[in-house]
Protein backbone atom coordinates (compact mmCIF):
# COMPACT_ATOMS: atom_id res chain seq x y z
CA MET A 1 -82.30 -177.21 -61.13
CA ASN A 2 -85.76 -178.77 -62.02
CA ASP A 3 -84.09 -180.20 -65.33
CA LYS A 4 -81.50 -182.07 -63.08
CA GLN A 5 -84.04 -183.35 -60.92
CA ASN A 6 -86.13 -184.76 -63.67
CA THR A 7 -82.97 -186.35 -65.32
CA LEU A 8 -82.28 -188.13 -62.01
CA ASP A 9 -85.71 -189.36 -61.59
CA ARG A 10 -85.77 -190.63 -65.13
CA LEU A 11 -82.40 -192.55 -64.58
CA ARG A 12 -83.63 -193.98 -61.50
CA ASP A 13 -86.86 -195.22 -63.01
CA GLY A 14 -84.97 -196.55 -65.89
CA LEU A 15 -82.63 -198.76 -63.73
CA GLY A 16 -83.70 -202.01 -62.65
CA LYS A 17 -83.08 -203.62 -59.16
CA LYS A 18 -80.29 -205.97 -60.20
CA GLN A 19 -78.54 -202.94 -61.53
CA LEU A 20 -78.63 -201.00 -58.33
CA ILE A 21 -77.15 -203.94 -56.36
CA ALA A 22 -74.23 -204.17 -58.76
CA ILE A 23 -73.38 -200.60 -58.33
CA ALA A 24 -73.37 -200.83 -54.50
CA ALA A 25 -71.02 -203.87 -54.82
CA VAL A 26 -68.51 -201.97 -56.97
CA LEU A 27 -68.55 -198.85 -54.49
CA ALA A 28 -67.93 -201.46 -51.58
CA LEU A 29 -64.92 -202.97 -53.22
CA GLY A 30 -63.33 -199.65 -54.13
CA ALA A 31 -63.67 -198.64 -50.39
CA ALA A 32 -61.78 -201.75 -49.28
CA GLY A 33 -59.03 -201.15 -51.84
CA ALA A 34 -58.42 -197.66 -50.66
CA VAL A 35 -57.87 -199.00 -47.05
CA GLY A 36 -55.27 -201.58 -48.29
CA ILE A 37 -53.50 -198.88 -50.18
CA LEU A 38 -53.26 -196.67 -47.01
CA ARG A 39 -52.03 -199.54 -44.94
CA MET A 40 -49.30 -200.56 -47.42
CA GLY A 41 -48.24 -196.96 -47.42
CA GLY A 42 -47.69 -196.78 -43.42
CA SER A 43 -45.27 -198.53 -41.13
CA SER A 44 -46.10 -201.41 -38.72
CA PRO A 45 -44.89 -201.57 -35.37
CA ALA A 46 -42.98 -204.59 -36.35
CA ALA A 47 -41.11 -202.67 -38.79
CA GLU A 48 -40.19 -199.92 -36.30
CA GLY A 49 -36.87 -199.97 -34.38
CA GLY A 50 -36.90 -203.54 -33.11
CA HIS A 51 -39.90 -203.40 -30.83
CA GLY A 52 -42.01 -205.71 -32.96
CA HIS A 53 -41.61 -208.48 -30.45
CA GLY A 54 -43.27 -206.75 -27.35
CA HIS A 55 -41.65 -206.03 -24.07
CA GLU A 56 -38.80 -208.76 -23.77
CA GLU A 57 -36.50 -206.66 -21.68
CA ALA A 58 -37.30 -208.46 -18.37
CA LYS A 59 -35.95 -211.82 -19.67
CA GLY A 60 -33.33 -213.11 -17.34
CA HIS A 61 -34.06 -210.31 -14.87
CA ASP A 62 -34.61 -211.72 -11.18
CA ASP A 63 -34.38 -208.45 -9.56
CA GLY A 64 -36.97 -206.48 -11.32
CA GLU A 65 -34.75 -203.72 -12.49
CA HIS A 66 -35.09 -202.32 -15.89
CA HIS A 67 -31.79 -201.76 -17.64
CA GLY A 68 -32.47 -200.05 -20.94
CA GLU A 69 -32.61 -201.36 -24.57
CA ALA A 70 -29.82 -202.77 -26.70
CA GLY A 71 -29.65 -199.42 -28.57
CA GLY A 72 -31.14 -198.15 -31.70
CA GLY A 73 -34.81 -198.23 -30.93
CA LYS A 74 -36.80 -195.70 -28.68
CA GLY A 75 -36.27 -197.59 -25.71
CA HIS A 76 -38.77 -197.15 -22.69
CA LYS A 77 -41.22 -194.34 -22.90
CA ASP A 78 -40.95 -193.68 -19.29
CA ALA A 79 -37.22 -193.66 -19.10
CA ASP A 80 -37.07 -189.73 -19.23
CA ASP A 81 -39.06 -189.75 -15.90
CA HIS A 82 -36.37 -191.76 -14.01
CA GLY A 83 -33.57 -189.92 -12.38
CA ASP A 84 -32.30 -192.98 -10.41
CA GLY A 85 -30.34 -194.51 -13.34
CA GLU A 86 -32.16 -197.71 -13.17
CA HIS A 87 -32.86 -197.49 -17.04
CA HIS A 88 -29.39 -197.83 -18.41
CA GLU A 89 -28.80 -196.66 -21.87
CA GLU A 90 -25.13 -197.88 -21.92
CA ALA A 91 -23.87 -200.44 -24.63
CA GLY A 92 -27.20 -202.21 -24.88
CA LYS A 93 -28.50 -205.72 -23.74
CA GLY A 94 -26.43 -208.96 -23.94
CA ALA A 95 -27.47 -212.32 -24.75
CA ASN A 96 -28.41 -213.25 -21.19
CA GLY A 97 -30.51 -209.99 -20.55
CA GLY A 98 -27.80 -208.16 -18.75
CA ASP A 99 -26.17 -204.86 -19.50
CA VAL A 100 -23.15 -204.95 -21.94
CA ILE A 101 -20.77 -202.71 -20.00
CA GLY A 102 -18.00 -202.53 -22.53
CA SER A 103 -15.66 -204.48 -25.15
CA GLN A 104 -11.98 -204.54 -25.10
CA LYS A 105 -9.65 -206.70 -27.25
CA ASP A 106 -12.53 -208.73 -28.52
CA VAL A 107 -13.61 -209.32 -24.77
CA THR A 108 -17.18 -208.27 -24.09
CA VAL A 109 -18.43 -208.10 -20.38
CA GLU A 110 -22.20 -208.56 -19.81
CA LEU A 111 -23.39 -207.68 -16.13
CA MET A 112 -26.58 -208.10 -14.20
CA LEU A 113 -27.50 -207.21 -10.67
CA ALA A 114 -29.91 -210.00 -9.82
CA ASP A 115 -31.64 -211.73 -7.00
CA GLN A 116 -29.84 -215.19 -6.02
CA GLY A 117 -31.19 -217.05 -3.15
CA GLY A 118 -32.99 -214.12 -1.54
CA SER A 119 -30.10 -211.49 -1.73
CA PRO A 120 -28.97 -209.35 -4.76
CA ARG A 121 -25.73 -210.41 -6.42
CA ILE A 122 -23.71 -209.35 -9.55
CA LYS A 123 -23.75 -212.01 -12.39
CA LEU A 124 -21.10 -211.69 -15.19
CA TRP A 125 -20.69 -213.25 -18.65
CA LEU A 126 -17.69 -212.92 -20.55
CA THR A 127 -17.94 -213.39 -24.34
CA ARG A 128 -15.24 -213.27 -27.34
CA ASP A 129 -16.79 -212.98 -30.84
CA GLY A 130 -20.20 -213.89 -29.51
CA LYS A 131 -18.90 -217.16 -27.83
CA LEU A 132 -19.23 -217.55 -24.20
CA LEU A 133 -15.94 -217.76 -22.26
CA GLN A 134 -15.37 -219.81 -19.17
CA PRO A 135 -12.63 -217.88 -17.29
CA GLY A 136 -11.68 -219.07 -13.67
CA ALA A 137 -13.23 -217.09 -10.79
CA GLN A 138 -9.78 -215.88 -9.84
CA GLN A 139 -9.43 -214.18 -13.16
CA VAL A 140 -12.16 -211.79 -12.43
CA SER A 141 -12.81 -209.29 -9.66
CA VAL A 142 -15.05 -206.20 -9.13
CA GLU A 143 -14.39 -203.29 -7.05
CA LEU A 144 -17.27 -201.24 -5.73
CA GLU A 145 -16.84 -197.64 -4.54
CA ARG A 146 -19.86 -196.33 -2.57
CA PRO A 147 -20.04 -192.57 -1.27
CA GLY A 148 -18.45 -192.10 2.12
CA GLN A 149 -16.92 -195.69 2.26
CA ASP A 150 -13.79 -197.49 1.46
CA PRO A 151 -13.71 -199.46 -1.86
CA GLN A 152 -15.02 -202.99 -1.57
CA LYS A 153 -13.54 -205.94 -3.43
CA ILE A 154 -16.01 -208.54 -4.55
CA ALA A 155 -15.02 -212.02 -5.37
CA PHE A 156 -16.74 -214.51 -7.67
CA VAL A 157 -17.64 -218.14 -8.09
CA VAL A 158 -18.60 -220.11 -11.28
CA LYS A 159 -22.32 -221.01 -11.42
CA GLY A 160 -24.00 -222.38 -14.52
CA GLY A 161 -21.78 -220.80 -16.95
CA ALA A 162 -22.01 -217.36 -15.16
CA LEU A 163 -19.75 -215.78 -12.57
CA VAL A 164 -21.71 -214.94 -9.50
CA SER A 165 -20.64 -212.66 -6.64
CA ALA A 166 -19.47 -214.55 -3.68
CA GLN A 167 -21.15 -211.98 -1.33
CA ALA A 168 -24.45 -210.15 -1.50
CA ILE A 169 -24.52 -206.70 -2.77
CA ASP A 170 -25.99 -204.64 -0.02
CA GLU A 171 -28.64 -201.90 -0.66
CA PRO A 172 -29.09 -199.27 -1.78
CA HIS A 173 -27.42 -200.00 -5.01
CA LEU A 174 -25.71 -196.60 -5.45
CA PHE A 175 -22.07 -197.15 -6.36
CA LYS A 176 -19.44 -196.87 -8.96
CA GLY A 177 -17.61 -200.09 -9.93
CA LYS A 178 -15.11 -201.77 -12.34
CA VAL A 179 -14.76 -205.08 -13.51
CA GLU A 180 -11.21 -206.28 -13.86
CA VAL A 181 -10.52 -209.18 -16.15
CA GLN A 182 -6.98 -210.91 -16.50
CA ALA A 183 -6.37 -211.49 -19.96
CA ALA A 184 -3.27 -212.47 -22.19
CA GLY A 185 -2.66 -208.86 -22.85
CA GLY A 186 -2.90 -207.74 -19.34
CA VAL A 187 -5.71 -206.60 -16.99
CA LEU A 188 -8.86 -205.26 -18.72
CA GLN A 189 -10.99 -202.77 -16.88
CA PHE A 190 -14.76 -202.28 -17.62
CA PRO A 191 -16.45 -199.43 -15.45
CA PHE A 192 -20.22 -199.32 -14.66
CA ALA A 193 -22.33 -197.46 -12.20
CA ARG A 194 -25.54 -197.73 -10.30
CA ASP A 195 -27.37 -194.71 -8.69
CA GLU A 196 -30.45 -196.27 -6.81
CA GLY A 197 -31.75 -193.88 -4.18
CA ALA A 198 -29.56 -190.80 -4.99
CA VAL A 199 -31.09 -187.58 -4.24
CA THR A 200 -30.28 -184.80 -6.74
CA MET A 201 -29.65 -181.35 -5.37
CA ASN A 202 -27.52 -178.59 -6.70
CA ALA A 203 -25.73 -175.94 -4.56
CA ASP A 204 -28.56 -173.37 -4.89
CA GLN A 205 -31.13 -175.84 -3.52
CA ILE A 206 -28.73 -176.94 -0.64
CA LYS A 207 -28.41 -173.37 0.39
CA ALA A 208 -32.03 -172.64 0.20
CA ALA A 209 -32.89 -175.66 2.33
CA GLY A 210 -30.48 -174.66 5.10
CA ILE A 211 -28.42 -177.72 4.74
CA ALA A 212 -24.88 -177.56 6.39
CA ILE A 213 -22.11 -179.91 5.14
CA ASP A 214 -19.69 -181.37 7.64
CA THR A 215 -17.06 -184.01 7.51
CA SER A 216 -16.93 -187.27 9.37
CA ALA A 217 -14.02 -186.99 11.89
CA ALA A 218 -12.76 -188.50 15.29
CA ALA A 219 -14.27 -187.08 18.47
CA THR A 220 -14.31 -187.35 22.13
CA ILE A 221 -17.79 -188.65 23.25
CA ARG A 222 -18.97 -188.51 26.98
CA SER A 223 -20.86 -191.91 27.26
CA SER A 224 -23.77 -191.87 29.23
CA LEU A 225 -26.32 -194.57 30.36
CA GLN A 226 -30.06 -193.86 30.42
CA LEU A 227 -32.27 -195.84 32.90
CA PRO A 228 -35.89 -195.56 33.76
CA GLY A 229 -36.83 -194.77 37.38
CA GLU A 230 -39.67 -193.55 39.54
CA ILE A 231 -39.78 -191.04 42.52
CA ALA A 232 -40.63 -192.70 45.87
CA PHE A 233 -40.87 -191.76 49.36
CA ASN A 234 -37.45 -191.28 51.25
CA GLU A 235 -38.21 -194.38 53.54
CA ASP A 236 -35.46 -193.05 56.10
CA ARG A 237 -37.74 -189.91 56.38
CA THR A 238 -41.11 -191.70 56.29
CA ALA A 239 -42.91 -192.89 59.39
CA HIS A 240 -46.12 -195.08 59.81
CA VAL A 241 -47.63 -193.66 62.89
CA VAL A 242 -49.39 -196.28 65.18
CA PRO A 243 -51.09 -195.41 68.46
CA ARG A 244 -49.16 -198.26 70.44
CA VAL A 245 -52.20 -198.19 72.78
CA ALA A 246 -55.80 -199.52 72.14
CA GLY A 247 -58.70 -197.05 72.63
CA VAL A 248 -61.27 -194.80 71.09
CA VAL A 249 -60.51 -191.66 69.06
CA GLU A 250 -61.83 -188.50 70.79
CA SER A 251 -60.40 -185.94 68.45
CA VAL A 252 -58.28 -185.71 65.27
CA ALA A 253 -56.26 -182.59 64.93
CA VAL A 254 -54.90 -182.79 61.28
CA SER A 255 -56.09 -183.65 57.83
CA LEU A 256 -54.60 -185.43 54.78
CA GLY A 257 -51.78 -183.50 53.01
CA GLN A 258 -51.28 -181.17 56.07
CA GLN A 259 -47.70 -179.97 56.95
CA VAL A 260 -46.94 -180.91 60.49
CA VAL A 261 -43.99 -180.19 62.79
CA LYS A 262 -42.21 -182.46 65.05
CA GLY A 263 -44.36 -183.06 68.38
CA GLN A 264 -47.46 -181.59 66.85
CA VAL A 265 -50.68 -183.30 68.14
CA LEU A 266 -52.35 -185.36 65.43
CA ALA A 267 -55.12 -187.16 67.29
CA THR A 268 -56.44 -187.86 71.01
CA ILE A 269 -57.31 -191.23 72.10
CA SER A 270 -59.10 -192.35 75.29
CA SER A 271 -57.24 -195.40 76.39
CA PRO A 272 -57.62 -197.68 79.60
CA SER A 273 -54.23 -199.09 79.38
CA VAL A 274 -52.85 -195.52 79.70
CA SER A 275 -54.92 -194.81 82.66
CA ASP A 276 -53.70 -198.04 84.25
CA GLN A 277 -50.04 -197.05 83.74
CA ARG A 278 -50.49 -193.56 84.92
CA ALA A 279 -52.19 -194.82 88.11
CA GLU A 280 -49.39 -197.27 88.53
CA LEU A 281 -46.99 -194.41 88.37
CA GLN A 282 -48.88 -192.38 90.96
CA ASN A 283 -49.16 -195.22 93.22
CA ALA A 284 -45.31 -195.73 93.15
CA GLN A 285 -44.58 -192.17 93.66
CA LYS A 286 -46.70 -192.11 96.77
CA ARG A 287 -44.91 -195.01 98.07
CA LEU A 288 -41.65 -193.47 97.40
CA GLN A 289 -42.57 -190.61 99.48
CA LEU A 290 -43.34 -192.89 102.48
CA ALA A 291 -40.24 -194.86 101.92
CA ARG A 292 -38.07 -191.77 102.04
CA THR A 293 -39.67 -190.48 105.22
CA THR A 294 -39.30 -193.91 106.80
CA TYR A 295 -35.52 -194.00 105.80
CA GLU A 296 -34.94 -190.54 107.11
CA ARG A 297 -36.50 -191.35 110.48
CA GLU A 298 -34.38 -194.60 110.94
CA LYS A 299 -31.33 -192.85 109.85
CA GLN A 300 -31.89 -190.11 112.61
CA LEU A 301 -32.66 -192.79 115.23
CA PHE A 302 -29.47 -194.62 114.27
CA GLU A 303 -27.43 -191.46 114.61
CA GLN A 304 -28.98 -190.99 117.90
CA ARG A 305 -28.04 -194.56 118.90
CA ILE A 306 -31.63 -195.35 119.48
CA SER A 307 -32.27 -197.74 116.62
CA PRO A 308 -29.87 -200.31 115.26
CA GLN A 309 -28.08 -200.12 111.99
CA GLN A 310 -30.14 -202.99 110.67
CA ASP A 311 -33.27 -200.93 110.71
CA VAL A 312 -31.63 -198.11 108.73
CA GLN A 313 -30.56 -200.56 105.99
CA GLN A 314 -33.96 -202.24 105.74
CA ALA A 315 -35.60 -198.69 105.31
CA GLU A 316 -33.07 -197.78 102.71
CA GLN A 317 -33.48 -200.99 100.80
CA ALA A 318 -37.41 -200.55 100.70
CA MET A 319 -36.82 -196.81 99.37
CA ARG A 320 -34.57 -198.13 96.55
CA GLU A 321 -37.26 -200.61 95.50
CA VAL A 322 -40.00 -198.04 95.33
CA GLU A 323 -37.57 -195.84 93.35
CA ILE A 324 -37.11 -198.40 90.76
CA ALA A 325 -40.99 -198.85 90.64
CA VAL A 326 -41.42 -195.24 90.09
CA THR A 327 -38.75 -195.22 87.22
CA ASN A 328 -40.43 -198.25 85.66
CA ALA A 329 -43.86 -196.73 85.57
CA ARG A 330 -42.51 -193.60 84.15
CA GLN A 331 -40.60 -195.38 81.29
CA LYS A 332 -43.63 -197.45 80.32
CA LEU A 333 -45.53 -194.19 79.74
CA GLN A 334 -42.46 -192.78 77.73
CA ALA A 335 -42.41 -195.77 75.68
CA ILE A 336 -45.82 -195.43 74.28
CA GLY A 337 -45.31 -191.78 73.88
CA ALA A 338 -47.75 -190.70 76.72
CA SER A 339 -46.97 -187.93 79.08
CA THR A 340 -46.97 -188.34 82.93
CA ASP A 341 -49.58 -185.71 83.32
CA SER A 342 -52.10 -187.12 85.68
CA SER A 343 -54.93 -184.41 85.00
CA ALA A 344 -56.55 -186.90 82.62
CA LEU A 345 -55.40 -190.45 83.38
CA ASN A 346 -57.02 -192.04 80.13
CA ARG A 347 -56.13 -189.26 77.85
CA PHE A 348 -53.38 -190.16 75.21
CA GLU A 349 -52.05 -187.73 72.58
CA LEU A 350 -50.74 -189.17 69.17
CA ARG A 351 -47.74 -186.71 68.02
CA ALA A 352 -45.77 -186.26 64.84
CA PRO A 353 -42.36 -187.81 65.14
CA PHE A 354 -40.72 -185.13 62.82
CA ASN A 355 -41.63 -182.50 60.33
CA GLY A 356 -43.33 -183.66 57.35
CA VAL A 357 -46.62 -183.98 55.51
CA ILE A 358 -49.58 -186.21 56.30
CA VAL A 359 -49.51 -188.51 53.28
CA GLU A 360 -51.99 -191.18 54.51
CA LYS A 361 -54.65 -191.03 57.02
CA HIS A 362 -56.82 -194.01 58.37
CA ILE A 363 -58.47 -192.56 61.51
CA ALA A 364 -61.81 -190.83 62.43
CA LEU A 365 -63.47 -189.37 65.34
CA GLY A 366 -65.32 -192.07 67.55
CA GLU A 367 -63.24 -194.87 65.94
CA GLN A 368 -61.99 -197.83 67.90
CA VAL A 369 -58.25 -198.31 67.09
CA ARG A 370 -55.85 -201.07 68.07
CA GLU A 371 -52.50 -200.54 69.28
CA ASP A 372 -50.83 -201.68 66.03
CA SER A 373 -53.10 -199.84 63.64
CA SER A 374 -51.29 -197.49 61.16
CA VAL A 375 -53.46 -194.47 61.43
CA PHE A 376 -51.04 -192.01 59.85
CA THR A 377 -48.19 -191.80 57.37
CA VAL A 378 -45.96 -188.88 57.77
CA SER A 379 -43.15 -188.18 55.17
CA ASP A 380 -40.61 -185.46 55.00
CA LEU A 381 -40.87 -184.71 51.17
CA LYS A 382 -38.07 -182.35 51.06
CA SER A 383 -36.03 -185.50 50.35
CA VAL A 384 -37.22 -188.27 48.10
CA TRP A 385 -35.66 -191.25 46.44
CA ALA A 386 -35.39 -192.04 42.70
CA GLN A 387 -35.85 -195.91 42.41
CA ILE A 388 -33.87 -197.36 39.48
CA ASN A 389 -34.14 -200.72 37.93
CA VAL A 390 -30.71 -201.74 36.64
CA PRO A 391 -30.42 -204.44 33.97
CA ALA A 392 -27.47 -206.98 34.89
CA ARG A 393 -25.52 -205.86 31.86
CA ASP A 394 -25.38 -202.32 33.14
CA LEU A 395 -24.58 -203.08 36.75
CA LEU A 396 -20.69 -202.45 36.27
CA GLN A 397 -21.66 -199.01 35.39
CA VAL A 398 -23.66 -198.14 38.27
CA ARG A 399 -21.70 -197.56 41.40
CA VAL A 400 -22.34 -196.13 44.79
CA GLY A 401 -21.30 -192.38 44.75
CA GLU A 402 -21.68 -191.95 41.11
CA ASN A 403 -23.05 -188.58 39.88
CA VAL A 404 -26.29 -188.75 38.08
CA VAL A 405 -28.85 -186.40 36.29
CA ILE A 406 -32.67 -186.98 36.93
CA ARG A 407 -35.13 -185.71 34.36
CA SER A 408 -38.77 -185.93 34.57
CA THR A 409 -40.83 -187.51 31.74
CA ALA A 410 -43.91 -185.36 32.41
CA PHE A 411 -42.48 -181.80 32.39
CA GLU A 412 -39.22 -179.89 32.09
CA GLN A 413 -37.41 -180.51 35.50
CA LYS A 414 -34.01 -181.86 36.29
CA ALA A 415 -32.14 -182.51 39.47
CA VAL A 416 -28.75 -183.90 40.44
CA GLY A 417 -27.83 -186.41 42.94
CA LYS A 418 -25.51 -189.34 43.77
CA VAL A 419 -26.17 -193.09 43.81
CA ALA A 420 -26.82 -194.04 47.50
CA TYR A 421 -27.49 -197.78 47.01
CA VAL A 422 -27.10 -200.60 44.73
CA GLY A 423 -28.88 -203.96 45.44
CA ALA A 424 -26.81 -207.03 45.91
CA LEU A 425 -29.62 -209.23 44.38
CA ILE A 426 -31.22 -209.48 41.01
CA GLY A 427 -35.02 -210.13 40.73
CA GLU A 428 -36.13 -213.29 39.40
CA GLN A 429 -38.81 -211.97 37.40
CA THR A 430 -37.53 -208.65 36.28
CA ARG A 431 -33.66 -209.58 36.17
CA THR A 432 -32.70 -206.35 37.33
CA ALA A 433 -31.22 -204.89 40.54
CA GLN A 434 -32.59 -202.12 42.52
CA ALA A 435 -30.63 -198.92 42.91
CA ARG A 436 -31.58 -195.63 44.47
CA VAL A 437 -30.62 -191.97 44.39
CA VAL A 438 -31.36 -189.51 47.23
CA VAL A 439 -32.86 -186.36 45.69
CA ASP A 440 -33.12 -182.92 47.41
CA ASN A 441 -36.78 -181.77 46.96
CA PRO A 442 -37.06 -178.10 48.51
CA SER A 443 -39.82 -176.89 46.20
CA MET A 444 -41.85 -180.26 46.47
CA ALA A 445 -41.54 -180.73 42.69
CA TRP A 446 -40.68 -184.42 42.72
CA ARG A 447 -43.58 -186.18 44.01
CA PRO A 448 -43.58 -189.91 44.57
CA GLY A 449 -45.05 -191.99 41.87
CA LEU A 450 -43.52 -189.55 38.99
CA PHE A 451 -41.65 -191.39 36.29
CA VAL A 452 -38.04 -190.30 35.52
CA ASN A 453 -35.06 -190.91 33.32
CA VAL A 454 -31.91 -191.26 35.26
CA GLU A 455 -28.68 -190.42 33.32
CA LEU A 456 -25.41 -191.77 34.50
CA SER A 457 -22.08 -190.60 32.94
CA SER A 458 -19.68 -193.44 32.23
CA GLY A 459 -16.64 -191.37 31.22
CA ASP A 460 -15.11 -189.90 28.12
CA SER A 461 -14.19 -192.04 25.13
CA SER A 462 -12.28 -191.30 21.93
CA VAL A 463 -13.91 -192.65 18.58
CA PRO A 464 -12.24 -192.76 15.24
CA VAL A 465 -15.49 -191.73 13.17
CA SER A 466 -18.30 -189.77 14.34
CA VAL A 467 -21.17 -187.52 12.82
CA ALA A 468 -23.47 -184.80 14.28
CA ALA A 469 -26.19 -186.49 16.14
CA GLU A 470 -28.90 -184.60 14.05
CA ALA A 471 -27.38 -185.99 10.92
CA VAL A 472 -28.80 -189.42 11.60
CA GLN A 473 -31.97 -190.28 9.90
CA THR A 474 -34.03 -193.56 9.75
CA MET A 475 -35.14 -194.86 6.51
CA GLU A 476 -36.81 -198.24 6.22
CA GLY A 477 -35.65 -199.33 9.61
CA ARG A 478 -32.21 -198.38 9.17
CA SER A 479 -29.99 -195.60 10.34
CA VAL A 480 -28.52 -193.58 7.40
CA VAL A 481 -26.34 -190.60 6.91
CA PHE A 482 -26.61 -188.53 3.80
CA VAL A 483 -23.14 -188.32 2.11
CA ARG A 484 -22.55 -185.40 -0.19
CA THR A 485 -21.94 -186.40 -3.90
CA PRO A 486 -21.12 -184.39 -6.97
CA GLY A 487 -24.82 -184.49 -7.90
CA GLY A 488 -26.50 -184.08 -4.47
CA PHE A 489 -26.69 -186.72 -1.64
CA ALA A 490 -26.54 -190.53 -1.24
CA PRO A 491 -27.99 -192.32 1.75
CA VAL A 492 -25.32 -194.51 3.47
CA PRO A 493 -26.46 -197.05 6.04
CA VAL A 494 -24.57 -196.87 9.07
CA GLU A 495 -24.11 -198.66 12.44
CA LEU A 496 -24.06 -196.50 15.42
CA GLY A 497 -22.26 -196.70 18.78
CA ARG A 498 -22.08 -194.33 21.59
CA SER A 499 -23.70 -190.82 21.67
CA ASP A 500 -23.64 -187.78 24.00
CA GLY A 501 -26.66 -185.88 22.20
CA LYS A 502 -24.25 -183.85 20.11
CA ARG A 503 -21.96 -186.39 18.39
CA THR A 504 -22.77 -189.99 17.49
CA GLU A 505 -20.12 -192.79 17.03
CA VAL A 506 -20.16 -194.53 13.69
CA THR A 507 -18.92 -198.00 14.06
CA ALA A 508 -19.55 -199.25 10.29
CA GLY A 509 -20.56 -197.96 7.10
CA LEU A 510 -18.81 -194.62 6.72
CA LYS A 511 -15.02 -193.59 6.79
CA ALA A 512 -13.46 -190.67 8.35
CA GLY A 513 -13.33 -187.48 6.03
CA ALA A 514 -16.58 -188.07 4.19
CA PRO A 515 -18.60 -185.08 3.56
CA TYR A 516 -22.19 -185.31 4.94
CA ALA A 517 -25.22 -183.28 5.65
CA ALA A 518 -24.88 -182.29 9.32
CA SER A 519 -27.99 -180.20 9.64
CA GLY A 520 -31.17 -179.95 7.59
CA SER A 521 -30.91 -183.83 6.67
CA PHE A 522 -34.60 -184.25 7.32
CA VAL A 523 -35.03 -182.13 4.10
CA ILE A 524 -32.93 -184.75 2.09
CA LYS A 525 -35.07 -187.61 3.62
CA SER A 526 -38.17 -185.93 2.48
CA GLU A 527 -36.88 -185.69 -1.14
CA ALA A 528 -35.74 -189.23 -1.02
CA GLY A 529 -39.12 -190.31 0.09
CA LYS A 530 -40.95 -188.44 -2.58
CA ALA A 531 -38.59 -190.05 -5.13
CA SER A 532 -39.41 -193.44 -3.86
CA ALA A 533 -43.08 -192.84 -3.85
CA SER A 534 -43.09 -191.60 -7.43
CA HIS A 535 -40.91 -194.39 -8.62
CA GLU A 536 -42.68 -197.62 -8.95
CA HIS A 537 -41.28 -200.54 -10.92
């Protein structure tokens, strides 16, 4: 070991500075050559499968969808993660960036679903031996078959060397289609498909999720009209009690919220006007006694032929006049609700007009009240009104005598009644008419001020297509029904009509006989939402 070290030291000492620099340069060139050899032996991205020009797939795509590679290459790395069919590995890409969906008798069809003027439309190019054909629009048609719907025929117009669908292609783009081209040898058909938004579920998953399958069919739906309302006092059984005489309150016998019966004393008032009327009655009664005595005496004298008949007649007339005065004084007291008891001339008792509850009280001991002051409000709450605001468009369905069901918005309570009144005028501001229902309220559950929903039945109607009410879900602001497909379910946008809470009419979007998820559809909606969240273009 010492000999080797001595030899190295001698060599180092023997070499000059220039020689060391030359050796280092040779080593550097050798390393660079090795790297070059390694690179020549490998493959560059440009040499691999046609991807050397970057990601050119989006050329010609206005809708932002990825439709797969022309073939041969590896395609998109993320294509395996997409189950919605938006990466199409069909026949490859055409010269215009669309999908080549097939070739027959030297005719090749290239198709693209692209945005045109703010709405998605189908664009077609027809080529023969690589040359673009210019067929008439009437020579090409497309038929789309969506789950649960009748086939849809799509017509085309010529625009800029391409055929563009005359109508927009509604979302979701989930359908099977075929392009028909009229050629010299007959009609050529080119099938294609899109499965945007499909939810994949097998039979075991459907069973585990508790999803029940039903078929859309005709049904009889009991139509009903829901209107908002409010509980109010039955004004026919509500009284604003006023004293009808001025005076000072001597006592108040009841309190707010107290149950009272007809004739019960509510308050006592000391009133000078009552004293005057009672005094007037007593005066008339005394005069009546005197007039009757005078009449009896004159009658006896006439019968004894002592006094003339004229004196009898005058005495009788005076008696009749006093009788009228007595009756008048008594009726004045009755008109204000005062008794004829003369033990306390100025005492006036305010009494309940009927059985009810004191719902308002504006009187206190020692207070001066006027004859027109509303001091109590008494209401018989065993009968109340449900006040309804009826829009003009619904007036024909709201008729007097119509049976209704009233439901509270605050708690589980319902009652039945009949429409008792429908207003003849429409409010200028609300554009509604007033209607009311008399509601029996024996348990006092329906309190004035409570908001309610009033349901009116408008008869039975037969509809050609209906689904279970719980089958309807809302996605992106649209009502959808999940139609059964061989691979799972497809969200089908629908337009809805009448509903009775059990069945819902489908006016557009679904044909009769289509299988759909009747119950448990919220599970499918959740799965569709997950797929939408995880799939970003």
